[in-house]
């Protein structure tokens, strides 16, 4: 089963979930706001995707961080610490696919190849 992680009011997450539903793809949803960001999942995603692909530098949460906080994110450890305290800086949605692969962000063409 496809597992989708994100925030329900995120427009990209909304589009992604609607796309999955339209394709008839069964999936579960993990809400970062209500259920938190599981550290063991984050570690797996960081190992697979890398911190730079997982960090959303275009989002409101990132832009609202102080300059010193943003400048301090320079490696996996510092990105991980920030993501655990502010899950909204994680690029969304993060999807765990049935074949064991992981993706971040919504790319309908890529997703069509995966389902």
PDB file of N, CA and C in Angstrom:
ATOM      1  N   UNK A   1       0.831  -1.186   0.000  1.00  0.00           N
ATOM      2  CA  UNK A   1       0.000   0.000   0.000  1.00  0.00           C
ATOM      3  C   UNK A   1       0.875   1.250   0.000  1.00  0.00           C
ATOM      4  N   UNK A   2       0.400   2.275  -0.674  1.00  0.00           N
ATOM      5  CA  UNK A   2       1.083   3.563  -0.736  1.00  0.00           C
ATOM      6  C   UNK A   2       0.848   4.295   0.583  1.00  0.00           C
ATOM      7  N   UNK A   3       1.934   4.828   1.147  1.00  0.00           N
ATOM      8  CA  UNK A   3       1.830   5.618   2.378  1.00  0.00           C
ATOM      9  C   UNK A   3       2.233   7.058   2.080  1.00  0.00           C
ATOM     10  N   UNK A   4       1.324   7.974   2.357  1.00  0.00           N
ATOM     11  CA  UNK A   4       1.537   9.388   2.085  1.00  0.00           C
ATOM     12  C   UNK A   4       1.710  10.111   3.416  1.00  0.00           C
ATOM     13  N   UNK A   5       2.758  10.929   3.494  1.00  0.00           N
ATOM     14  CA  UNK A   5       3.048  11.703   4.702  1.00  0.00           C
ATOM     15  C   UNK A   5       2.995  13.186   4.342  1.00  0.00           C
ATOM     16  N   UNK A   6       2.367  13.975   5.199  1.00  0.00           N
ATOM     17  CA  UNK A   6       2.317  15.399   4.937  1.00  0.00           C
ATOM     18  C   UNK A   6       1.383  16.124   5.876  1.00  0.00           C
ATOM     19  N   UNK A   7       0.879  17.240   5.387  1.00  0.00           N
ATOM     20  CA  UNK A   7      -0.017  18.102   6.145  1.00  0.00           C
ATOM     21  C   UNK A   7      -1.284  18.270   5.307  1.00  0.00           C
ATOM     22  N   UNK A   8      -2.448  17.996   5.877  1.00  0.00           N
ATOM     23  CA  UNK A   8      -3.667  17.966   5.067  1.00  0.00           C
ATOM     24  C   UNK A   8      -4.053  19.284   4.405  1.00  0.00           C
ATOM     25  N   UNK A   9      -3.666  20.422   4.981  1.00  0.00           N
ATOM     26  CA  UNK A   9      -4.040  21.695   4.371  1.00  0.00           C
ATOM     27  C   UNK A   9      -3.025  22.183   3.339  1.00  0.00           C
ATOM     28  N   UNK A  10      -1.969  21.432   3.088  1.00  0.00           N
ATOM     29  CA  UNK A  10      -0.972  21.762   2.068  1.00  0.00           C
ATOM     30  C   UNK A  10      -1.595  21.513   0.687  1.00  0.00           C
ATOM     31  N   UNK A  11      -1.547  22.509  -0.184  1.00  0.00           N
ATOM     32  CA  UNK A  11      -2.162  22.381  -1.511  1.00  0.00           C
ATOM     33  C   UNK A  11      -1.545  21.248  -2.323  1.00  0.00           C
ATOM     34  N   UNK A  12      -0.249  21.061  -2.226  1.00  0.00           N
ATOM     35  CA  UNK A  12       0.398  19.982  -2.968  1.00  0.00           C
ATOM     36  C   UNK A  12      -0.060  18.628  -2.456  1.00  0.00           C
ATOM     37  N   UNK A  13      -0.195  18.497  -1.159  1.00  0.00           N
ATOM     38  CA  UNK A  13      -0.688  17.243  -0.576  1.00  0.00           C
ATOM     39  C   UNK A  13      -2.127  16.999  -1.020  1.00  0.00           C
ATOM     40  N   UNK A  14      -2.934  18.044  -1.034  1.00  0.00           N
ATOM     41  CA  UNK A  14      -4.322  17.895  -1.485  1.00  0.00           C
ATOM     42  C   UNK A  14      -4.374  17.390  -2.925  1.00  0.00           C
ATOM     43  N   UNK A  15      -3.574  18.008  -3.809  1.00  0.00           N
ATOM     44  CA  UNK A  15      -3.545  17.583  -5.215  1.00  0.00           C
ATOM     45  C   UNK A  15      -3.057  16.153  -5.340  1.00  0.00           C
ATOM     46  N   UNK A  16      -2.036  15.807  -4.580  1.00  0.00           N
ATOM     47  CA  UNK A  16      -1.472  14.458  -4.647  1.00  0.00           C
ATOM     48  C   UNK A  16      -2.482  13.412  -4.193  1.00  0.00           C
ATOM     49  N   UNK A  17      -3.152  13.677  -3.101  1.00  0.00           N
ATOM     50  CA  UNK A  17      -4.146  12.718  -2.598  1.00  0.00           C
ATOM     51  C   UNK A  17      -5.329  12.599  -3.556  1.00  0.00           C
ATOM     52  N   UNK A  18      -5.743  13.712  -4.146  1.00  0.00           N
ATOM     53  CA  UNK A  18      -6.833  13.674  -5.131  1.00  0.00           C
ATOM     54  C   UNK A  18      -6.405  12.862  -6.352  1.00  0.00           C
ATOM     55  N   UNK A  19      -5.147  13.017  -6.769  1.00  0.00           N
ATOM     56  CA  UNK A  19      -4.633  12.261  -7.912  1.00  0.00           C
ATOM     57  C   UNK A  19      -4.649  10.765  -7.606  1.00  0.00           C
ATOM     58  N   UNK A  20      -4.175  10.389  -6.435  1.00  0.00           N
ATOM     59  CA  UNK A  20      -4.184   8.973  -6.057  1.00  0.00           C
ATOM     60  C   UNK A  20      -5.608   8.425  -6.049  1.00  0.00           C
ATOM     61  N   UNK A  21      -6.517   9.196  -5.497  1.00  0.00           N
ATOM     62  CA  UNK A  21      -7.913   8.755  -5.445  1.00  0.00           C
ATOM     63  C   UNK A  21      -8.481   8.604  -6.855  1.00  0.00           C
ATOM     64  N   UNK A  22      -8.185   9.559  -7.739  1.00  0.00           N
ATOM     65  CA  UNK A  22      -8.685   9.500  -9.116  1.00  0.00           C
ATOM     66  C   UNK A  22      -8.135   8.291  -9.868  1.00  0.00           C
ATOM     67  N   UNK A  23      -6.911   7.876  -9.501  1.00  0.00           N
ATOM     68  CA  UNK A  23      -6.296   6.712 -10.144  1.00  0.00           C
ATOM     69  C   UNK A  23      -6.744   5.406  -9.497  1.00  0.00           C
ATOM     70  N   UNK A  24      -7.501   5.518  -8.422  1.00  0.00           N
ATOM     71  CA  UNK A  24      -7.960   4.323  -7.719  1.00  0.00           C
ATOM     72  C   UNK A  24      -6.874   3.643  -6.903  1.00  0.00           C
ATOM     73  N   UNK A  25      -5.887   4.435  -6.473  1.00  0.00           N
ATOM     74  CA  UNK A  25      -4.763   3.888  -5.711  1.00  0.00           C
ATOM     75  C   UNK A  25      -5.079   3.962  -4.215  1.00  0.00           C
ATOM     76  N   UNK A  26      -5.138   2.810  -3.575  1.00  0.00           N
ATOM     77  CA  UNK A  26      -5.362   2.769  -2.127  1.00  0.00           C
ATOM     78  C   UNK A  26      -4.134   3.337  -1.422  1.00  0.00           C
ATOM     79  N   UNK A  27      -4.369   4.167  -0.438  1.00  0.00           N
ATOM     80  CA  UNK A  27      -3.248   4.759   0.292  1.00  0.00           C
ATOM     81  C   UNK A  27      -3.678   5.112   1.708  1.00  0.00           C
ATOM     82  N   UNK A  28      -2.675   5.247   2.555  1.00  0.00           N
ATOM     83  CA  UNK A  28      -2.899   5.736   3.906  1.00  0.00           C
ATOM     84  C   UNK A  28      -2.272   7.119   4.000  1.00  0.00           C
ATOM     85  N   UNK A  29      -2.736   7.909   4.955  1.00  0.00           N
ATOM     86  CA  UNK A  29      -2.210   9.253   5.130  1.00  0.00           C
ATOM     87  C   UNK A  29      -1.751   9.450   6.562  1.00  0.00           C
ATOM     88  N   UNK A  30      -0.528   9.945   6.708  1.00  0.00           N
ATOM     89  CA  UNK A  30       0.047  10.254   8.020  1.00  0.00           C
ATOM     90  C   UNK A  30       0.165  11.772   8.110  1.00  0.00           C
ATOM     91  N   UNK A  31      -0.556  12.359   9.037  1.00  0.00           N
ATOM     92  CA  UNK A  31      -0.615  13.802   9.232  1.00  0.00           C
ATOM     93  C   UNK A  31       0.493  14.239  10.194  1.00  0.00           C
ATOM     94  N   UNK A  32       1.475  14.984   9.661  1.00  0.00           N
ATOM     95  CA  UNK A  32       2.568  15.481  10.503  1.00  0.00           C
ATOM     96  C   UNK A  32       2.054  16.334  11.655  1.00  0.00           C
ATOM     97  N   UNK A  33       1.004  17.101  11.428  1.00  0.00           N
ATOM     98  CA  UNK A  33       0.492  18.004  12.465  1.00  0.00           C
ATOM     99  C   UNK A  33      -0.117  17.230  13.633  1.00  0.00           C
ATOM    100  N   UNK A  34      -0.888  16.198  13.335  1.00  0.00           N
ATOM    101  CA  UNK A  34      -1.563  15.445  14.385  1.00  0.00           C
ATOM    102  C   UNK A  34      -0.736  14.285  14.912  1.00  0.00           C
ATOM    103  N   UNK A  35      -0.010  13.614  14.034  1.00  0.00           N
ATOM    104  CA  UNK A  35       0.696  12.391  14.420  1.00  0.00           C
ATOM    105  C   UNK A  35       2.198  12.579  14.578  1.00  0.00           C
ATOM    106  N   UNK A  36       2.701  13.747  14.227  1.00  0.00           N
ATOM    107  CA  UNK A  36       4.125  14.006  14.342  1.00  0.00           C
ATOM    108  C   UNK A  36       4.923  13.388  13.206  1.00  0.00           C
ATOM    109  N   UNK A  37       6.199  13.659  13.221  1.00  0.00           N
ATOM    110  CA  UNK A  37       7.122  13.128  12.225  1.00  0.00           C
ATOM    111  C   UNK A  37       7.930  12.024  12.887  1.00  0.00           C
ATOM    112  N   UNK A  38       7.699  10.770  12.503  1.00  0.00           N
ATOM    113  CA  UNK A  38       8.421   9.665  13.149  1.00  0.00           C
ATOM    114  C   UNK A  38       9.927   9.737  12.839  1.00  0.00           C
ATOM    115  N   UNK A  39      10.776   9.843  13.858  1.00  0.00           N
ATOM    116  CA  UNK A  39      12.214   9.958  13.620  1.00  0.00           C
ATOM    117  C   UNK A  39      12.783   8.823  12.778  1.00  0.00           C
ATOM    118  N   UNK A  40      12.281   7.602  12.980  1.00  0.00           N
ATOM    119  CA  UNK A  40      12.822   6.475  12.207  1.00  0.00           C
ATOM    120  C   UNK A  40      12.452   6.588  10.730  1.00  0.00           C
ATOM    121  N   UNK A  41      11.284   7.152  10.415  1.00  0.00           N
ATOM    122  CA  UNK A  41      10.894   7.359   9.012  1.00  0.00           C
ATOM    123  C   UNK A  41      11.773   8.447   8.418  1.00  0.00           C
ATOM    124  N   UNK A  42      11.950   9.543   9.166  1.00  0.00           N
ATOM    125  CA  UNK A  42      12.788  10.636   8.685  1.00  0.00           C
ATOM    126  C   UNK A  42      14.191  10.137   8.386  1.00  0.00           C
ATOM    127  N   UNK A  43      14.752   9.322   9.268  1.00  0.00           N
ATOM    128  CA  UNK A  43      16.097   8.789   9.039  1.00  0.00           C
ATOM    129  C   UNK A  43      16.161   7.971   7.752  1.00  0.00           C
ATOM    130  N   UNK A  44      15.132   7.169   7.499  1.00  0.00           N
ATOM    131  CA  UNK A  44      15.094   6.363   6.272  1.00  0.00           C
ATOM    132  C   UNK A  44      15.007   7.266   5.043  1.00  0.00           C
ATOM    133  N   UNK A  45      14.183   8.306   5.118  1.00  0.00           N
ATOM    134  CA  UNK A  45      14.048   9.213   3.979  1.00  0.00           C
ATOM    135  C   UNK A  45      15.342   9.976   3.724  1.00  0.00           C
ATOM    136  N   UNK A  46      15.992  10.417   4.794  1.00  0.00           N
ATOM    137  CA  UNK A  46      17.260  11.127   4.639  1.00  0.00           C
ATOM    138  C   UNK A  46      18.311  10.232   4.001  1.00  0.00           C
ATOM    139  N   UNK A  47      18.329   8.961   4.395  1.00  0.00           N
ATOM    140  CA  UNK A  47      19.298   8.019   3.824  1.00  0.00           C
ATOM    141  C   UNK A  47      19.017   7.773   2.346  1.00  0.00           C
ATOM    142  N   UNK A  48      17.753   7.782   1.970  1.00  0.00           N
ATOM    143  CA  UNK A  48      17.371   7.496   0.589  1.00  0.00           C
ATOM    144  C   UNK A  48      17.441   8.727  -0.312  1.00  0.00           C
ATOM    145  N   UNK A  49      16.867   9.827   0.143  1.00  0.00           N
ATOM    146  CA  UNK A  49      16.730  11.016  -0.701  1.00  0.00           C
ATOM    147  C   UNK A  49      17.813  12.064  -0.480  1.00  0.00           C
ATOM    148  N   UNK A  50      18.383  12.078   0.723  1.00  0.00           N
ATOM    149  CA  UNK A  50      19.335  13.129   1.067  1.00  0.00           C
ATOM    150  C   UNK A  50      18.612  14.335   1.652  1.00  0.00           C
ATOM    151  N   UNK A  51      19.297  15.067   2.504  1.00  0.00           N
ATOM    152  CA  UNK A  51      18.651  16.165   3.219  1.00  0.00           C
ATOM    153  C   UNK A  51      18.258  17.317   2.302  1.00  0.00           C
ATOM    154  N   UNK A  52      19.050  17.573   1.262  1.00  0.00           N
ATOM    155  CA  UNK A  52      18.748  18.711   0.395  1.00  0.00           C
ATOM    156  C   UNK A  52      17.470  18.496  -0.413  1.00  0.00           C
ATOM    157  N   UNK A  53      17.210  17.247  -0.827  1.00  0.00           N
ATOM    158  CA  UNK A  53      15.981  16.944  -1.568  1.00  0.00           C
ATOM    159  C   UNK A  53      14.763  16.965  -0.655  1.00  0.00           C
ATOM    160  N   UNK A  54      14.969  16.710   0.608  1.00  0.00           N
ATOM    161  CA  UNK A  54      13.861  16.613   1.560  1.00  0.00           C
ATOM    162  C   UNK A  54      13.515  17.956   2.214  1.00  0.00           C
ATOM    163  N   UNK A  55      14.437  18.892   2.180  1.00  0.00           N
ATOM    164  CA  UNK A  55      14.229  20.196   2.815  1.00  0.00           C
ATOM    165  C   UNK A  55      13.512  21.144   1.854  1.00  0.00           C
ATOM    166  N   UNK A  56      12.374  21.657   2.278  1.00  0.00           N
ATOM    167  CA  UNK A  56      11.585  22.573   1.452  1.00  0.00           C
ATOM    168  C   UNK A  56      11.990  24.006   1.760  1.00  0.00           C
ATOM    169  N   UNK A  57      12.835  24.559   0.905  1.00  0.00           N
ATOM    170  CA  UNK A  57      13.307  25.930   1.107  1.00  0.00           C
ATOM    171  C   UNK A  57      12.365  26.973   0.507  1.00  0.00           C
ATOM    172  N   UNK A  58      11.310  26.521  -0.175  1.00  0.00           N
ATOM    173  CA  UNK A  58      10.376  27.463  -0.797  1.00  0.00           C
ATOM    174  C   UNK A  58       9.141  27.721   0.064  1.00  0.00           C
ATOM    175  N   UNK A  59       8.968  26.960   1.109  1.00  0.00           N
ATOM    176  CA  UNK A  59       7.759  27.068   1.918  1.00  0.00           C
ATOM    177  C   UNK A  59       7.778  28.223   2.901  1.00  0.00           C
ATOM    178  N   UNK A  60       6.605  28.514   3.400  1.00  0.00           N
ATOM    179  CA  UNK A  60       6.419  29.601   4.360  1.00  0.00           C
ATOM    180  C   UNK A  60       7.229  29.372   5.635  1.00  0.00           C
ATOM    181  N   UNK A  61       7.228  28.144   6.129  1.00  0.00           N
ATOM    182  CA  UNK A  61       7.935  27.862   7.387  1.00  0.00           C
ATOM    183  C   UNK A  61       9.416  28.187   7.251  1.00  0.00           C
ATOM    184  N   UNK A  62      10.039  27.774   6.149  1.00  0.00           N
ATOM    185  CA  UNK A  62      11.459  28.052   5.919  1.00  0.00           C
ATOM    186  C   UNK A  62      11.692  29.559   5.851  1.00  0.00           C
ATOM    187  N   UNK A  63      10.859  30.255   5.108  1.00  0.00           N
ATOM    188  CA  UNK A  63      11.042  31.700   4.937  1.00  0.00           C
ATOM    189  C   UNK A  63      10.861  32.456   6.251  1.00  0.00           C
ATOM    190  N   UNK A  64      10.058  31.911   7.161  1.00  0.00           N
ATOM    191  CA  UNK A  64       9.824  32.579   8.441  1.00  0.00           C
ATOM    192  C   UNK A  64      10.929  32.322   9.459  1.00  0.00           C
ATOM    193  N   UNK A  65      11.802  31.379   9.171  1.00  0.00           N
ATOM    194  CA  UNK A  65      12.918  31.113  10.085  1.00  0.00           C
ATOM    195  C   UNK A  65      13.895  32.277  10.038  1.00  0.00           C
ATOM    196  N   UNK A  66      14.574  32.507  11.142  1.00  0.00           N
ATOM    197  CA  UNK A  66      15.584  33.548  11.167  1.00  0.00           C
ATOM    198  C   UNK A  66      16.761  33.195  10.267  1.00  0.00           C
ATOM    199  N   UNK A  67      17.457  34.208   9.838  1.00  0.00           N
ATOM    200  CA  UNK A  67      18.621  34.021   8.963  1.00  0.00           C
ATOM    201  C   UNK A  67      19.645  33.070   9.585  1.00  0.00           C
ATOM    202  N   UNK A  68      19.905  33.224  10.872  1.00  0.00           N
ATOM    203  CA  UNK A  68      20.889  32.373  11.547  1.00  0.00           C
ATOM    204  C   UNK A  68      20.437  30.915  11.556  1.00  0.00           C
ATOM    205  N   UNK A  69      19.154  30.676  11.761  1.00  0.00           N
ATOM    206  CA  UNK A  69      18.632  29.305  11.769  1.00  0.00           C
ATOM    207  C   UNK A  69      18.779  28.681  10.392  1.00  0.00           C
ATOM    208  N   UNK A  70      18.408  29.436   9.351  1.00  0.00           N
ATOM    209  CA  UNK A  70      18.544  28.906   7.980  1.00  0.00           C
ATOM    210  C   UNK A  70      20.007  28.639   7.646  1.00  0.00           C
ATOM    211  N   UNK A  71      20.881  29.552   8.034  1.00  0.00           N
ATOM    212  CA  UNK A  71      22.302  29.396   7.721  1.00  0.00           C
ATOM    213  C   UNK A  71      22.920  28.210   8.448  1.00  0.00           C
ATOM    214  N   UNK A  72      22.334  27.816   9.577  1.00  0.00           N
ATOM    215  CA  UNK A  72      22.884  26.706  10.367  1.00  0.00           C
ATOM    216  C   UNK A  72      22.552  25.338   9.767  1.00  0.00           C
ATOM    217  N   UNK A  73      21.647  25.285   8.805  1.00  0.00           N
ATOM    218  CA  UNK A  73      21.282  24.008   8.178  1.00  0.00           C
ATOM    219  C   UNK A  73      22.272  23.752   7.048  1.00  0.00           C
ATOM    220  N   UNK A  74      23.284  22.939   7.372  1.00  0.00           N
ATOM    221  CA  UNK A  74      24.382  22.728   6.424  1.00  0.00           C
ATOM    222  C   UNK A  74      24.681  21.266   6.140  1.00  0.00           C
ATOM    223  N   UNK A  75      24.008  20.360   6.843  1.00  0.00           N
ATOM    224  CA  UNK A  75      24.293  18.939   6.655  1.00  0.00           C
ATOM    225  C   UNK A  75      23.101  18.113   7.128  1.00  0.00           C
ATOM    226  N   UNK A  76      23.238  16.800   7.031  1.00  0.00           N
ATOM    227  CA  UNK A  76      22.143  15.910   7.395  1.00  0.00           C
ATOM    228  C   UNK A  76      21.719  16.099   8.849  1.00  0.00           C
ATOM    229  N   UNK A  77      22.672  16.188   9.759  1.00  0.00           N
ATOM    230  CA  UNK A  77      22.337  16.292  11.183  1.00  0.00           C
ATOM    231  C   UNK A  77      21.565  17.573  11.490  1.00  0.00           C
ATOM    232  N   UNK A  78      22.009  18.692  10.946  1.00  0.00           N
ATOM    233  CA  UNK A  78      21.316  19.958  11.229  1.00  0.00           C
ATOM    234  C   UNK A  78      19.948  20.004  10.548  1.00  0.00           C
ATOM    235  N   UNK A  79      19.843  19.452   9.350  1.00  0.00           N
ATOM    236  CA  UNK A  79      18.545  19.398   8.665  1.00  0.00           C
ATOM    237  C   UNK A  79      17.587  18.485   9.422  1.00  0.00           C
ATOM    238  N   UNK A  80      18.079  17.349   9.887  1.00  0.00           N
ATOM    239  CA  UNK A  80      17.249  16.403  10.640  1.00  0.00           C
ATOM    240  C   UNK A  80      16.694  17.069  11.900  1.00  0.00           C
ATOM    241  N   UNK A  81      17.558  17.765  12.635  1.00  0.00           N
ATOM    242  CA  UNK A  81      17.122  18.426  13.869  1.00  0.00           C
ATOM    243  C   UNK A  81      16.021  19.445  13.576  1.00  0.00           C
ATOM    244  N   UNK A  82      16.191  20.217  12.512  1.00  0.00           N
ATOM    245  CA  UNK A  82      15.177  21.208  12.156  1.00  0.00           C
ATOM    246  C   UNK A  82      13.873  20.526  11.741  1.00  0.00           C
ATOM    247  N   UNK A  83      13.971  19.473  10.935  1.00  0.00           N
ATOM    248  CA  UNK A  83      12.770  18.773  10.461  1.00  0.00           C
ATOM    249  C   UNK A  83      11.985  18.144  11.606  1.00  0.00           C
ATOM    250  N   UNK A  84      12.681  17.661  12.609  1.00  0.00           N
ATOM    251  CA  UNK A  84      11.987  17.066  13.754  1.00  0.00           C
ATOM    252  C   UNK A  84      11.273  18.119  14.600  1.00  0.00           C
ATOM    253  N   UNK A  85      11.842  19.312  14.686  1.00  0.00           N
ATOM    254  CA  UNK A  85      11.195  20.365  15.473  1.00  0.00           C
ATOM    255  C   UNK A  85      10.163  21.140  14.660  1.00  0.00           C
ATOM    256  N   UNK A  86      10.367  21.205  13.345  1.00  0.00           N
ATOM    257  CA  UNK A  86       9.443  21.925  12.458  1.00  0.00           C
ATOM    258  C   UNK A  86       9.162  21.059  11.228  1.00  0.00           C
ATOM    259  N   UNK A  87       8.280  20.065  11.367  1.00  0.00           N
ATOM    260  CA  UNK A  87       7.998  19.146  10.251  1.00  0.00           C
ATOM    261  C   UNK A  87       7.498  19.836   8.984  1.00  0.00           C
ATOM    262  N   UNK A  88       7.025  21.062   9.106  1.00  0.00           N
ATOM    263  CA  UNK A  88       6.535  21.779   7.928  1.00  0.00           C
ATOM    264  C   UNK A  88       7.647  22.132   6.951  1.00  0.00           C
ATOM    265  N   UNK A  89       8.909  21.993   7.347  1.00  0.00           N
ATOM    266  CA  UNK A  89       9.998  22.256   6.402  1.00  0.00           C
ATOM    267  C   UNK A  89      10.323  21.032   5.546  1.00  0.00           C
ATOM    268  N   UNK A  90       9.641  19.926   5.787  1.00  0.00           N
ATOM    269  CA  UNK A  90       9.837  18.735   4.958  1.00  0.00           C
ATOM    270  C   UNK A  90       9.063  18.931   3.658  1.00  0.00           C
ATOM    271  N   UNK A  91       9.729  18.679   2.542  1.00  0.00           N
ATOM    272  CA  UNK A  91       9.062  18.763   1.240  1.00  0.00           C
ATOM    273  C   UNK A  91       7.935  17.743   1.199  1.00  0.00           C
ATOM    274  N   UNK A  92       6.754  18.195   0.758  1.00  0.00           N
ATOM    275  CA  UNK A  92       5.575  17.337   0.815  1.00  0.00           C
ATOM    276  C   UNK A  92       4.979  17.125  -0.564  1.00  0.00           C
ATOM    277  N   UNK A  93       4.260  16.023  -0.657  1.00  0.00           N
ATOM    278  CA  UNK A  93       4.168  14.899   0.265  1.00  0.00           C
ATOM    279  C   UNK A  93       5.386  13.993   0.146  1.00  0.00           C
ATOM    280  N   UNK A  94       5.699  13.308   1.228  1.00  0.00           N
ATOM    281  CA  UNK A  94       6.672  12.219   1.166  1.00  0.00           C
ATOM    282  C   UNK A  94       5.841  10.958   0.980  1.00  0.00           C
ATOM    283  N   UNK A  95       6.232  10.140   0.012  1.00  0.00           N
ATOM    284  CA  UNK A  95       5.464   8.934  -0.286  1.00  0.00           C
ATOM    285  C   UNK A  95       6.372   7.719  -0.223  1.00  0.00           C
ATOM    286  N   UNK A  96       5.918   6.727   0.510  1.00  0.00           N
ATOM    287  CA  UNK A  96       6.584   5.427   0.543  1.00  0.00           C
ATOM    288  C   UNK A  96       5.778   4.514  -0.374  1.00  0.00           C
ATOM    289  N   UNK A  97       6.428   4.041  -1.437  1.00  0.00           N
ATOM    290  CA  UNK A  97       5.779   3.229  -2.456  1.00  0.00           C
ATOM    291  C   UNK A  97       5.870   1.749  -2.109  1.00  0.00           C
ATOM    292  N   UNK A  98       4.962   0.940  -2.646  1.00  0.00           N
ATOM    293  CA  UNK A  98       4.956  -0.496  -2.329  1.00  0.00           C
ATOM    294  C   UNK A  98       6.263  -1.220  -2.672  1.00  0.00           C
ATOM    295  N   UNK A  99       7.016  -0.703  -3.646  1.00  0.00           N
ATOM    296  CA  UNK A  99       8.277  -1.361  -4.017  1.00  0.00           C
ATOM    297  C   UNK A  99       9.437  -0.982  -3.100  1.00  0.00           C
ATOM    298  N   UNK A 100       9.150  -0.170  -2.068  1.00  0.00           N
ATOM    299  CA  UNK A 100      10.180   0.211  -1.109  1.00  0.00           C
ATOM    300  C   UNK A 100      10.861   1.532  -1.415  1.00  0.00           C
ATOM    301  N   UNK A 101      10.544   2.144  -2.553  1.00  0.00           N
ATOM    302  CA  UNK A 101      11.150   3.427  -2.887  1.00  0.00           C
ATOM    303  C   UNK A 101      10.397   4.557  -2.190  1.00  0.00           C
ATOM    304  N   UNK A 102      11.028   5.729  -2.186  1.00  0.00           N
ATOM    305  CA  UNK A 102      10.470   6.905  -1.521  1.00  0.00           C
ATOM    306  C   UNK A 102      10.582   8.089  -2.472  1.00  0.00           C
ATOM    307  N   UNK A 103       9.581   8.958  -2.447  1.00  0.00           N
ATOM    308  CA  UNK A 103       9.658  10.192  -3.222  1.00  0.00           C
ATOM    309  C   UNK A 103       9.199  11.354  -2.350  1.00  0.00           C
ATOM    310  N   UNK A 104       9.642  12.550  -2.722  1.00  0.00           N
ATOM    311  CA  UNK A 104       9.217  13.769  -2.026  1.00  0.00           C
ATOM    312  C   UNK A 104       8.722  14.752  -3.070  1.00  0.00           C
ATOM    313  N   UNK A 105       7.550  15.316  -2.826  1.00  0.00           N
ATOM    314  CA  UNK A 105       6.937  16.214  -3.790  1.00  0.00           C
ATOM    315  C   UNK A 105       5.976  15.452  -4.690  1.00  0.00           C
ATOM    316  N   UNK A 106       5.154  16.192  -5.407  1.00  0.00           N
ATOM    317  CA  UNK A 106       4.147  15.588  -6.278  1.00  0.00           C
ATOM    318  C   UNK A 106       4.548  15.776  -7.731  1.00  0.00           C
ATOM    319  N   UNK A 107       4.789  14.661  -8.414  1.00  0.00           N
ATOM    320  CA  UNK A 107       5.138  14.646  -9.833  1.00  0.00           C
ATOM    321  C   UNK A 107       4.239  13.614 -10.508  1.00  0.00           C
ATOM    322  N   UNK A 108       3.122  14.055 -11.117  1.00  0.00           N
ATOM    323  CA  UNK A 108       2.167  13.105 -11.682  1.00  0.00           C
ATOM    324  C   UNK A 108       2.777  12.127 -12.688  1.00  0.00           C
ATOM    325  N   UNK A 109       3.726  12.589 -13.492  1.00  0.00           N
ATOM    326  CA  UNK A 109       4.347  11.688 -14.474  1.00  0.00           C
ATOM    327  C   UNK A 109       5.137  10.588 -13.774  1.00  0.00           C
ATOM    328  N   UNK A 110       5.907  10.962 -12.781  1.00  0.00           N
ATOM    329  CA  UNK A 110       6.667   9.973 -12.019  1.00  0.00           C
ATOM    330  C   UNK A 110       5.721   9.027 -11.293  1.00  0.00           C
ATOM    331  N   UNK A 111       4.704   9.572 -10.690  1.00  0.00           N
ATOM    332  CA  UNK A 111       3.754   8.751  -9.941  1.00  0.00           C
ATOM    333  C   UNK A 111       3.035   7.770 -10.851  1.00  0.00           C
ATOM    334  N   UNK A 112       2.697   8.194 -12.065  1.00  0.00           N
ATOM    335  CA  UNK A 112       1.996   7.302 -13.005  1.00  0.00           C
ATOM    336  C   UNK A 112       2.848   6.081 -13.322  1.00  0.00           C
ATOM    337  N   UNK A 113       4.157   6.261 -13.367  1.00  0.00           N
ATOM    338  CA  UNK A 113       5.059   5.121 -13.619  1.00  0.00           C
ATOM    339  C   UNK A 113       5.142   4.195 -12.408  1.00  0.00           C
ATOM    340  N   UNK A 114       4.890   4.721 -11.242  1.00  0.00           N
ATOM    341  CA  UNK A 114       5.040   3.940 -10.008  1.00  0.00           C
ATOM    342  C   UNK A 114       3.801   3.129  -9.641  1.00  0.00           C
ATOM    343  N   UNK A 115       2.621   3.578 -10.056  1.00  0.00           N
ATOM    344  CA  UNK A 115       1.393   2.882  -9.626  1.00  0.00           C
ATOM    345  C   UNK A 115       0.990   1.776 -10.588  1.00  0.00           C
TER     346      UNK A 115
END
